[in-house]
């Protein structure tokens, strides 16, 4: 199974930067690749913050709402 690699580049000054290039790049990726990239970025942020990058997990919270009996 061969992996398809998407390579895009652009050289610009900070003054001329706009979001069109970024939007074009992310629009060319599928949902699965976007999810994987997001998970990797989350892991990197945790490592930068000094946390363990291998044990990141989703936040779990819930609420229980009950209807009052009349």
N, C-alpha and C. Protein backbone atom coordinates (compact mmCIF):
# COMPACT_ATOMS: atom_id res chain seq x y z
N UNK A 1 0.85 -1.18 0.00
CA UNK A 1 0.00 0.00 0.00
C UNK A 1 0.90 1.24 0.00
N UNK A 2 0.74 2.07 -0.99
CA UNK A 2 1.57 3.27 -1.06
C UNK A 2 0.79 4.48 -0.53
N UNK A 3 1.51 5.32 0.17
CA UNK A 3 0.89 6.53 0.72
C UNK A 3 1.01 7.66 -0.29
N UNK A 4 -0.07 8.39 -0.46
CA UNK A 4 0.00 9.59 -1.28
C UNK A 4 0.42 10.75 -0.39
N UNK A 5 1.40 11.49 -0.85
CA UNK A 5 1.90 12.61 -0.07
C UNK A 5 1.53 13.90 -0.78
N UNK A 6 0.93 14.80 -0.06
CA UNK A 6 0.56 16.11 -0.60
C UNK A 6 1.63 17.11 -0.19
N UNK A 7 2.27 17.70 -1.18
CA UNK A 7 3.29 18.71 -0.91
C UNK A 7 2.85 20.01 -1.56
N UNK A 8 2.76 21.03 -0.75
CA UNK A 8 2.41 22.37 -1.24
C UNK A 8 3.35 23.35 -0.56
N UNK A 9 3.77 24.35 -1.29
CA UNK A 9 4.62 25.36 -0.67
C UNK A 9 4.34 26.72 -1.29
N UNK A 10 4.63 27.74 -0.51
CA UNK A 10 4.47 29.11 -0.97
C UNK A 10 5.42 29.98 -0.16
N UNK A 11 6.08 30.88 -0.82
CA UNK A 11 6.97 31.81 -0.16
C UNK A 11 6.34 33.19 -0.24
N UNK A 12 6.15 33.81 0.91
CA UNK A 12 5.52 35.13 0.94
C UNK A 12 6.06 35.91 2.13
N UNK A 13 5.83 37.19 2.11
CA UNK A 13 6.21 38.00 3.26
C UNK A 13 5.06 38.01 4.26
N UNK A 14 5.36 38.33 5.48
CA UNK A 14 4.33 38.39 6.51
C UNK A 14 3.30 39.46 6.16
N UNK A 15 3.74 40.50 5.51
CA UNK A 15 2.85 41.60 5.12
C UNK A 15 1.81 41.14 4.09
N UNK A 16 2.20 40.23 3.19
CA UNK A 16 1.30 39.77 2.13
C UNK A 16 0.59 38.46 2.46
N UNK A 17 0.74 37.97 3.68
CA UNK A 17 0.14 36.70 4.06
C UNK A 17 -1.39 36.82 4.12
N UNK A 18 -2.05 35.81 3.56
CA UNK A 18 -3.50 35.68 3.74
C UNK A 18 -3.81 34.19 3.94
N UNK A 19 -5.04 33.88 4.27
CA UNK A 19 -5.41 32.52 4.63
C UNK A 19 -5.77 31.64 3.45
N UNK A 20 -5.76 32.16 2.24
CA UNK A 20 -6.19 31.37 1.09
C UNK A 20 -5.36 30.11 0.89
N UNK A 21 -4.05 30.23 1.07
CA UNK A 21 -3.18 29.06 0.89
C UNK A 21 -3.52 27.98 1.92
N UNK A 22 -3.68 28.37 3.17
CA UNK A 22 -4.01 27.42 4.23
C UNK A 22 -5.35 26.74 3.95
N UNK A 23 -6.32 27.53 3.55
CA UNK A 23 -7.65 26.97 3.26
C UNK A 23 -7.59 25.99 2.09
N UNK A 24 -6.81 26.30 1.07
CA UNK A 24 -6.66 25.40 -0.07
C UNK A 24 -6.01 24.09 0.36
N UNK A 25 -4.95 24.19 1.18
CA UNK A 25 -4.27 22.98 1.66
C UNK A 25 -5.22 22.08 2.44
N UNK A 26 -5.90 22.64 3.45
CA UNK A 26 -6.77 21.81 4.29
C UNK A 26 -7.97 21.28 3.52
N UNK A 27 -8.43 22.00 2.50
CA UNK A 27 -9.57 21.52 1.73
C UNK A 27 -9.20 20.32 0.85
N UNK A 28 -7.91 20.14 0.55
CA UNK A 28 -7.47 19.01 -0.27
C UNK A 28 -7.30 17.73 0.53
N UNK A 29 -7.28 17.83 1.84
CA UNK A 29 -7.14 16.64 2.68
C UNK A 29 -8.51 16.04 2.97
N UNK A 30 -8.56 14.75 3.15
CA UNK A 30 -9.80 14.10 3.54
C UNK A 30 -10.04 14.21 5.03
N UNK A 31 -11.19 13.78 5.46
CA UNK A 31 -11.57 13.86 6.87
C UNK A 31 -10.60 13.08 7.75
N UNK A 32 -10.22 11.89 7.31
CA UNK A 32 -9.33 11.05 8.12
C UNK A 32 -7.98 11.73 8.31
N UNK A 33 -7.42 12.30 7.27
CA UNK A 33 -6.11 12.96 7.38
C UNK A 33 -6.20 14.22 8.24
N UNK A 34 -7.33 14.92 8.17
CA UNK A 34 -7.51 16.10 9.03
C UNK A 34 -7.55 15.68 10.50
N UNK A 35 -8.24 14.58 10.79
CA UNK A 35 -8.33 14.09 12.17
C UNK A 35 -6.95 13.69 12.68
N UNK A 36 -6.20 12.95 11.86
CA UNK A 36 -4.86 12.52 12.26
C UNK A 36 -3.96 13.73 12.52
N UNK A 37 -4.01 14.73 11.64
CA UNK A 37 -3.19 15.93 11.82
C UNK A 37 -3.57 16.67 13.09
N UNK A 38 -4.87 16.75 13.37
CA UNK A 38 -5.34 17.41 14.59
C UNK A 38 -4.85 16.68 15.83
N UNK A 39 -4.92 15.35 15.81
CA UNK A 39 -4.46 14.55 16.94
C UNK A 39 -2.96 14.74 17.16
N UNK A 40 -2.18 14.77 16.07
CA UNK A 40 -0.74 14.97 16.20
C UNK A 40 -0.41 16.36 16.74
N UNK A 41 -1.15 17.39 16.30
CA UNK A 41 -0.91 18.74 16.81
C UNK A 41 -1.24 18.83 18.30
N UNK A 42 -2.31 18.15 18.71
CA UNK A 42 -2.69 18.12 20.12
C UNK A 42 -1.59 17.46 20.95
N UNK A 43 -1.03 16.37 20.43
CA UNK A 43 0.07 15.68 21.11
C UNK A 43 1.29 16.58 21.24
N UNK A 44 1.60 17.31 20.17
CA UNK A 44 2.76 18.21 20.20
C UNK A 44 2.57 19.34 21.21
N UNK A 45 1.36 19.88 21.31
CA UNK A 45 1.08 20.93 22.28
C UNK A 45 1.27 20.39 23.69
N UNK A 46 0.80 19.18 23.95
CA UNK A 46 0.98 18.57 25.27
C UNK A 46 2.46 18.39 25.60
N UNK A 47 3.26 17.97 24.62
CA UNK A 47 4.69 17.80 24.85
C UNK A 47 5.35 19.15 25.13
N UNK A 48 4.97 20.19 24.40
CA UNK A 48 5.52 21.53 24.62
C UNK A 48 5.20 22.01 26.02
N UNK A 49 4.00 21.68 26.50
CA UNK A 49 3.57 22.09 27.84
C UNK A 49 4.14 21.20 28.94
N UNK A 50 4.97 20.23 28.56
CA UNK A 50 5.59 19.36 29.54
C UNK A 50 4.73 18.19 29.98
N UNK A 51 3.65 17.94 29.28
CA UNK A 51 2.78 16.81 29.62
C UNK A 51 3.18 15.59 28.80
N UNK A 52 2.68 14.46 29.18
CA UNK A 52 2.94 13.23 28.45
C UNK A 52 2.15 13.24 27.15
N UNK A 53 2.83 13.22 26.03
CA UNK A 53 2.17 13.30 24.73
C UNK A 53 1.51 12.02 24.29
N UNK A 54 1.79 10.90 24.97
CA UNK A 54 1.23 9.62 24.54
C UNK A 54 -0.09 9.30 25.22
N UNK A 55 -0.45 10.04 26.26
CA UNK A 55 -1.66 9.69 26.99
C UNK A 55 -2.74 10.76 26.89
N UNK A 56 -2.79 11.42 25.77
CA UNK A 56 -3.83 12.42 25.57
C UNK A 56 -5.17 11.70 25.41
N UNK A 57 -6.21 12.28 25.89
CA UNK A 57 -7.52 11.65 25.76
C UNK A 57 -8.61 12.72 25.68
N UNK A 58 -9.77 12.28 25.27
CA UNK A 58 -10.90 13.20 25.16
C UNK A 58 -11.41 13.56 26.55
N UNK A 59 -11.94 14.77 26.65
CA UNK A 59 -12.54 15.19 27.91
C UNK A 59 -13.88 14.47 28.06
N UNK A 60 -14.12 13.98 29.25
CA UNK A 60 -15.37 13.27 29.51
C UNK A 60 -16.16 14.00 30.57
N UNK A 61 -17.35 14.41 30.24
CA UNK A 61 -18.23 15.03 31.22
C UNK A 61 -19.67 14.71 30.84
N UNK A 62 -20.54 14.72 31.82
CA UNK A 62 -21.94 14.45 31.54
C UNK A 62 -22.82 15.16 32.54
N UNK A 63 -24.07 15.29 32.18
CA UNK A 63 -25.08 15.86 33.06
C UNK A 63 -26.30 14.96 33.04
N UNK A 64 -26.95 14.88 34.15
CA UNK A 64 -28.18 14.12 34.25
C UNK A 64 -29.31 15.09 34.54
N UNK A 65 -30.29 15.12 33.66
CA UNK A 65 -31.42 16.04 33.82
C UNK A 65 -32.67 15.20 34.00
N UNK A 66 -33.36 15.47 35.09
CA UNK A 66 -34.60 14.72 35.36
C UNK A 66 -35.77 15.69 35.42
N UNK A 67 -36.85 15.25 34.87
CA UNK A 67 -38.08 16.05 34.89
C UNK A 67 -38.73 15.90 36.26
N UNK A 68 -39.14 17.03 36.83
CA UNK A 68 -39.82 16.98 38.13
C UNK A 68 -41.19 16.35 37.99
N UNK A 69 -41.50 15.55 38.96
CA UNK A 69 -42.84 14.97 38.96
C UNK A 69 -43.80 15.96 39.61
N UNK A 70 -44.95 16.14 38.98
CA UNK A 70 -45.93 17.12 39.51
C UNK A 70 -46.79 16.52 40.59
